[in-house]
Amino acid sequence: MGLWTAAAVVGGAAVAVVSAPFALGAAGFTSAGIAGGSAAAKMMSAAAVANGGGVAAGSLVAVLQSAGAAGLSGAATAAVAGTGGAVGWLASLFRRK
């Protein structure tokens, strides 16, 4: 692995981990709950309709709300870092030589 590729992988992982809480908040998954009128509220509404009135435990909406309220767990941080690293690696493939 070249220096450029390593830097892209590490940079992608770091950017993903740092920006994940901001992205969750912008989508409406906040520490105070789901923000009204947000994308999160629309997701919650759709999930509740699909499940007969409630949001299923372990569903995407429930997991994102948990992360928005309490922050990312160690496993979630590792998953986000891995995804960011993969995106960084893919981006390194398009570097002009």
N, C-alpha and C. Protein backbone atom coordinates (compact mmCIF):
# COMPACT_ATOMS: atom_id res chain seq x y z
N MET A 1 0.86 -1.16 0.00
CA MET A 1 0.00 0.00 0.00
C MET A 1 0.91 1.23 0.00
N GLY A 2 0.63 2.12 -0.92
CA GLY A 2 1.42 3.34 -1.02
C GLY A 2 1.04 4.35 0.05
N LEU A 3 1.86 5.36 0.15
CA LEU A 3 1.63 6.41 1.14
C LEU A 3 0.31 7.13 0.88
N TRP A 4 0.02 7.42 -0.39
CA TRP A 4 -1.23 8.11 -0.73
C TRP A 4 -2.44 7.26 -0.32
N THR A 5 -2.40 5.98 -0.58
CA THR A 5 -3.51 5.10 -0.23
C THR A 5 -3.69 5.02 1.28
N ALA A 6 -2.60 4.89 2.00
CA ALA A 6 -2.68 4.83 3.47
C ALA A 6 -3.26 6.13 4.03
N ALA A 7 -2.83 7.26 3.49
CA ALA A 7 -3.35 8.55 3.96
C ALA A 7 -4.84 8.66 3.65
N ALA A 8 -5.26 8.18 2.49
CA ALA A 8 -6.68 8.25 2.12
C ALA A 8 -7.52 7.37 3.03
N VAL A 9 -7.03 6.19 3.37
CA VAL A 9 -7.77 5.28 4.24
C VAL A 9 -7.90 5.88 5.65
N VAL A 10 -6.79 6.35 6.21
CA VAL A 10 -6.81 6.94 7.55
C VAL A 10 -7.65 8.21 7.56
N GLY A 11 -7.49 9.04 6.55
CA GLY A 11 -8.27 10.27 6.47
C GLY A 11 -9.76 10.00 6.34
N GLY A 12 -10.12 9.03 5.51
CA GLY A 12 -11.53 8.67 5.35
C GLY A 12 -12.13 8.16 6.64
N ALA A 13 -11.38 7.34 7.36
CA ALA A 13 -11.86 6.81 8.64
C ALA A 13 -12.05 7.94 9.65
N ALA A 14 -11.09 8.85 9.74
CA ALA A 14 -11.16 9.95 10.70
C ALA A 14 -12.32 10.89 10.39
N VAL A 15 -12.49 11.23 9.12
CA VAL A 15 -13.58 12.13 8.74
C VAL A 15 -14.93 11.48 9.04
N ALA A 16 -15.05 10.20 8.77
CA ALA A 16 -16.32 9.51 9.02
C ALA A 16 -16.67 9.50 10.50
N VAL A 17 -15.70 9.20 11.35
CA VAL A 17 -15.95 9.13 12.80
C VAL A 17 -16.30 10.51 13.35
N VAL A 18 -15.60 11.53 12.90
CA VAL A 18 -15.85 12.89 13.40
C VAL A 18 -17.18 13.43 12.90
N SER A 19 -17.54 13.13 11.65
CA SER A 19 -18.75 13.71 11.07
C SER A 19 -20.02 12.93 11.38
N ALA A 20 -19.92 11.70 11.84
CA ALA A 20 -21.12 10.89 12.10
C ALA A 20 -22.09 11.55 13.09
N PRO A 21 -21.63 12.06 14.23
CA PRO A 21 -22.58 12.71 15.15
C PRO A 21 -23.26 13.93 14.54
N PHE A 22 -22.53 14.68 13.74
CA PHE A 22 -23.12 15.84 13.08
C PHE A 22 -24.16 15.43 12.05
N ALA A 23 -23.87 14.36 11.32
CA ALA A 23 -24.82 13.86 10.33
C ALA A 23 -26.10 13.34 11.00
N LEU A 24 -25.95 12.66 12.13
CA LEU A 24 -27.12 12.18 12.86
C LEU A 24 -27.99 13.35 13.33
N GLY A 25 -27.35 14.37 13.88
CA GLY A 25 -28.08 15.54 14.34
C GLY A 25 -28.76 16.27 13.20
N ALA A 26 -28.08 16.40 12.08
CA ALA A 26 -28.66 17.08 10.92
C ALA A 26 -29.86 16.32 10.38
N ALA A 27 -29.85 15.00 10.50
CA ALA A 27 -30.98 14.20 10.04
C ALA A 27 -32.15 14.24 11.01
N GLY A 28 -31.89 14.72 12.24
CA GLY A 28 -32.96 14.85 13.22
C GLY A 28 -32.88 13.88 14.39
N PHE A 29 -31.82 13.08 14.47
CA PHE A 29 -31.62 12.16 15.59
C PHE A 29 -30.79 12.89 16.64
N THR A 30 -31.46 13.54 17.60
CA THR A 30 -30.78 14.39 18.58
C THR A 30 -30.79 13.76 19.96
N SER A 31 -30.03 14.34 20.88
CA SER A 31 -29.99 13.83 22.24
C SER A 31 -31.31 14.05 22.97
N ALA A 32 -32.12 14.97 22.48
CA ALA A 32 -33.43 15.23 23.08
C ALA A 32 -34.55 14.41 22.44
N GLY A 33 -34.21 13.59 21.47
CA GLY A 33 -35.22 12.80 20.77
C GLY A 33 -35.24 13.17 19.30
N ILE A 34 -36.22 12.63 18.60
CA ILE A 34 -36.33 12.90 17.17
C ILE A 34 -36.94 14.27 16.96
N ALA A 35 -36.29 15.09 16.14
CA ALA A 35 -36.75 16.45 15.87
C ALA A 35 -37.95 16.43 14.94
N GLY A 36 -38.98 17.17 15.30
CA GLY A 36 -40.19 17.24 14.49
C GLY A 36 -39.91 17.82 13.11
N GLY A 37 -40.55 17.25 12.08
CA GLY A 37 -40.41 17.73 10.72
C GLY A 37 -39.11 17.35 10.04
N SER A 38 -38.29 16.55 10.68
CA SER A 38 -36.99 16.16 10.13
C SER A 38 -37.10 14.86 9.33
N ALA A 39 -36.00 14.53 8.68
CA ALA A 39 -35.93 13.24 7.98
C ALA A 39 -36.12 12.10 8.97
N ALA A 40 -35.60 12.25 10.18
CA ALA A 40 -35.76 11.23 11.21
C ALA A 40 -37.23 11.05 11.58
N ALA A 41 -37.97 12.15 11.65
CA ALA A 41 -39.40 12.06 11.98
C ALA A 41 -40.16 11.33 10.88
N LYS A 42 -39.78 11.57 9.64
CA LYS A 42 -40.43 10.88 8.52
C LYS A 42 -40.11 9.39 8.55
N MET A 43 -38.86 9.06 8.87
CA MET A 43 -38.47 7.65 8.98
C MET A 43 -39.23 6.98 10.11
N MET A 44 -39.34 7.67 11.24
CA MET A 44 -40.04 7.10 12.39
C MET A 44 -41.51 6.88 12.07
N SER A 45 -42.12 7.83 11.39
CA SER A 45 -43.52 7.69 11.01
C SER A 45 -43.73 6.49 10.10
N ALA A 46 -42.88 6.36 9.10
CA ALA A 46 -43.00 5.24 8.17
C ALA A 46 -42.79 3.91 8.89
N ALA A 47 -41.81 3.86 9.80
CA ALA A 47 -41.55 2.63 10.55
C ALA A 47 -42.72 2.28 11.45
N ALA A 48 -43.33 3.30 12.07
CA ALA A 48 -44.46 3.05 12.96
C ALA A 48 -45.67 2.55 12.17
N VAL A 49 -45.93 3.13 11.02
CA VAL A 49 -47.04 2.67 10.19
C VAL A 49 -46.81 1.23 9.74
N ALA A 50 -45.58 0.93 9.34
CA ALA A 50 -45.26 -0.42 8.86
C ALA A 50 -45.36 -1.47 9.97
N ASN A 51 -45.16 -1.05 11.22
CA ASN A 51 -45.18 -2.00 12.34
C ASN A 51 -46.44 -1.91 13.18
N GLY A 52 -47.47 -1.31 12.65
CA GLY A 52 -48.73 -1.27 13.37
C GLY A 52 -48.80 -0.27 14.51
N GLY A 53 -48.00 0.79 14.44
CA GLY A 53 -48.10 1.84 15.44
C GLY A 53 -46.88 2.06 16.31
N GLY A 54 -45.93 1.18 16.27
CA GLY A 54 -44.73 1.34 17.09
C GLY A 54 -43.48 1.09 16.28
N VAL A 55 -42.38 1.59 16.76
CA VAL A 55 -41.09 1.36 16.11
C VAL A 55 -40.46 0.13 16.74
N ALA A 56 -40.11 -0.83 15.92
CA ALA A 56 -39.55 -2.09 16.41
C ALA A 56 -38.16 -1.88 17.02
N ALA A 57 -37.92 -2.52 18.14
CA ALA A 57 -36.60 -2.48 18.76
C ALA A 57 -35.59 -3.10 17.80
N GLY A 58 -34.45 -2.47 17.67
CA GLY A 58 -33.41 -2.98 16.80
C GLY A 58 -33.56 -2.55 15.35
N SER A 59 -34.63 -1.82 15.04
CA SER A 59 -34.81 -1.35 13.66
C SER A 59 -33.82 -0.23 13.38
N LEU A 60 -33.70 0.15 12.12
CA LEU A 60 -32.77 1.22 11.73
C LEU A 60 -33.08 2.51 12.48
N VAL A 61 -34.36 2.86 12.58
CA VAL A 61 -34.75 4.08 13.28
C VAL A 61 -34.35 4.00 14.75
N ALA A 62 -34.58 2.87 15.39
CA ALA A 62 -34.24 2.71 16.80
C ALA A 62 -32.73 2.79 17.02
N VAL A 63 -31.97 2.18 16.15
CA VAL A 63 -30.50 2.20 16.29
C VAL A 63 -29.97 3.62 16.08
N LEU A 64 -30.47 4.31 15.05
CA LEU A 64 -30.01 5.67 14.80
C LEU A 64 -30.41 6.61 15.93
N GLN A 65 -31.62 6.44 16.49
CA GLN A 65 -32.04 7.28 17.61
C GLN A 65 -31.17 7.03 18.83
N SER A 66 -30.83 5.79 19.06
CA SER A 66 -29.93 5.47 20.18
C SER A 66 -28.58 6.14 19.99
N ALA A 67 -28.05 6.08 18.78
CA ALA A 67 -26.76 6.71 18.50
C ALA A 67 -26.86 8.22 18.63
N GLY A 68 -27.98 8.80 18.19
CA GLY A 68 -28.15 10.24 18.31
C GLY A 68 -28.29 10.68 19.75
N ALA A 69 -28.92 9.86 20.57
CA ALA A 69 -29.15 10.22 21.97
C ALA A 69 -27.92 9.99 22.84
N ALA A 70 -27.25 8.87 22.65
CA ALA A 70 -26.16 8.49 23.55
C ALA A 70 -24.78 8.53 22.91
N GLY A 71 -24.71 8.76 21.61
CA GLY A 71 -23.43 8.71 20.92
C GLY A 71 -23.18 7.31 20.37
N LEU A 72 -22.14 7.19 19.59
CA LEU A 72 -21.82 5.92 18.96
C LEU A 72 -21.13 4.99 19.95
N SER A 73 -21.53 3.72 19.94
CA SER A 73 -20.85 2.72 20.77
C SER A 73 -19.49 2.41 20.15
N GLY A 74 -18.71 1.65 20.85
CA GLY A 74 -17.41 1.25 20.31
C GLY A 74 -17.54 0.48 19.01
N ALA A 75 -18.51 -0.43 18.96
CA ALA A 75 -18.72 -1.21 17.73
C ALA A 75 -19.20 -0.33 16.60
N ALA A 76 -20.09 0.62 16.90
CA ALA A 76 -20.58 1.52 15.86
C ALA A 76 -19.47 2.44 15.36
N THR A 77 -18.62 2.89 16.27
CA THR A 77 -17.49 3.73 15.88
C THR A 77 -16.55 2.94 14.97
N ALA A 78 -16.31 1.69 15.29
CA ALA A 78 -15.46 0.85 14.45
C ALA A 78 -16.08 0.63 13.07
N ALA A 79 -17.40 0.43 13.04
CA ALA A 79 -18.09 0.24 11.75
C ALA A 79 -18.02 1.50 10.90
N VAL A 80 -18.24 2.65 11.53
CA VAL A 80 -18.17 3.92 10.80
C VAL A 80 -16.75 4.16 10.31
N ALA A 81 -15.76 3.89 11.14
CA ALA A 81 -14.36 4.06 10.73
C ALA A 81 -14.01 3.13 9.58
N GLY A 82 -14.48 1.90 9.64
CA GLY A 82 -14.22 0.95 8.57
C GLY A 82 -14.85 1.39 7.26
N THR A 83 -16.07 1.90 7.33
CA THR A 83 -16.74 2.39 6.13
C THR A 83 -16.01 3.60 5.58
N GLY A 84 -15.63 4.53 6.45
CA GLY A 84 -14.88 5.70 6.00
C GLY A 84 -13.55 5.32 5.39
N GLY A 85 -12.87 4.35 5.99
CA GLY A 85 -11.61 3.87 5.44
C GLY A 85 -11.79 3.25 4.07
N ALA A 86 -12.87 2.49 3.91
CA ALA A 86 -13.14 1.88 2.60
C ALA A 86 -13.42 2.94 1.55
N VAL A 87 -14.17 3.96 1.93
CA VAL A 87 -14.44 5.06 0.99
C VAL A 87 -13.14 5.79 0.65
N GLY A 88 -12.29 5.99 1.65
CA GLY A 88 -10.99 6.62 1.39
C GLY A 88 -10.14 5.78 0.44
N TRP A 89 -10.15 4.47 0.63
CA TRP A 89 -9.40 3.59 -0.26
C TRP A 89 -9.94 3.67 -1.68
N LEU A 90 -11.28 3.64 -1.82
CA LEU A 90 -11.88 3.76 -3.15
C LEU A 90 -11.51 5.09 -3.79
N ALA A 91 -11.54 6.16 -3.00
CA ALA A 91 -11.18 7.47 -3.53
C ALA A 91 -9.72 7.49 -4.00
N SER A 92 -8.85 6.75 -3.31
CA SER A 92 -7.44 6.73 -3.70
C SER A 92 -7.24 6.08 -5.06
N LEU A 93 -8.17 5.26 -5.47
CA LEU A 93 -8.05 4.61 -6.79
C LEU A 93 -8.24 5.59 -7.92
N PHE A 94 -8.88 6.72 -7.65
CA PHE A 94 -9.17 7.71 -8.69
C PHE A 94 -8.17 8.85 -8.72
N ARG A 95 -7.11 8.72 -7.97
CA ARG A 95 -6.08 9.76 -7.94
C ARG A 95 -5.39 9.86 -9.30
N ARG A 96 -5.18 11.07 -9.74
CA ARG A 96 -4.47 11.27 -11.00
C ARG A 96 -2.97 11.04 -10.79
N LYS A 97 -2.38 10.43 -11.75
CA LYS A 97 -0.94 10.13 -11.64
C LYS A 97 -0.14 11.05 -12.51
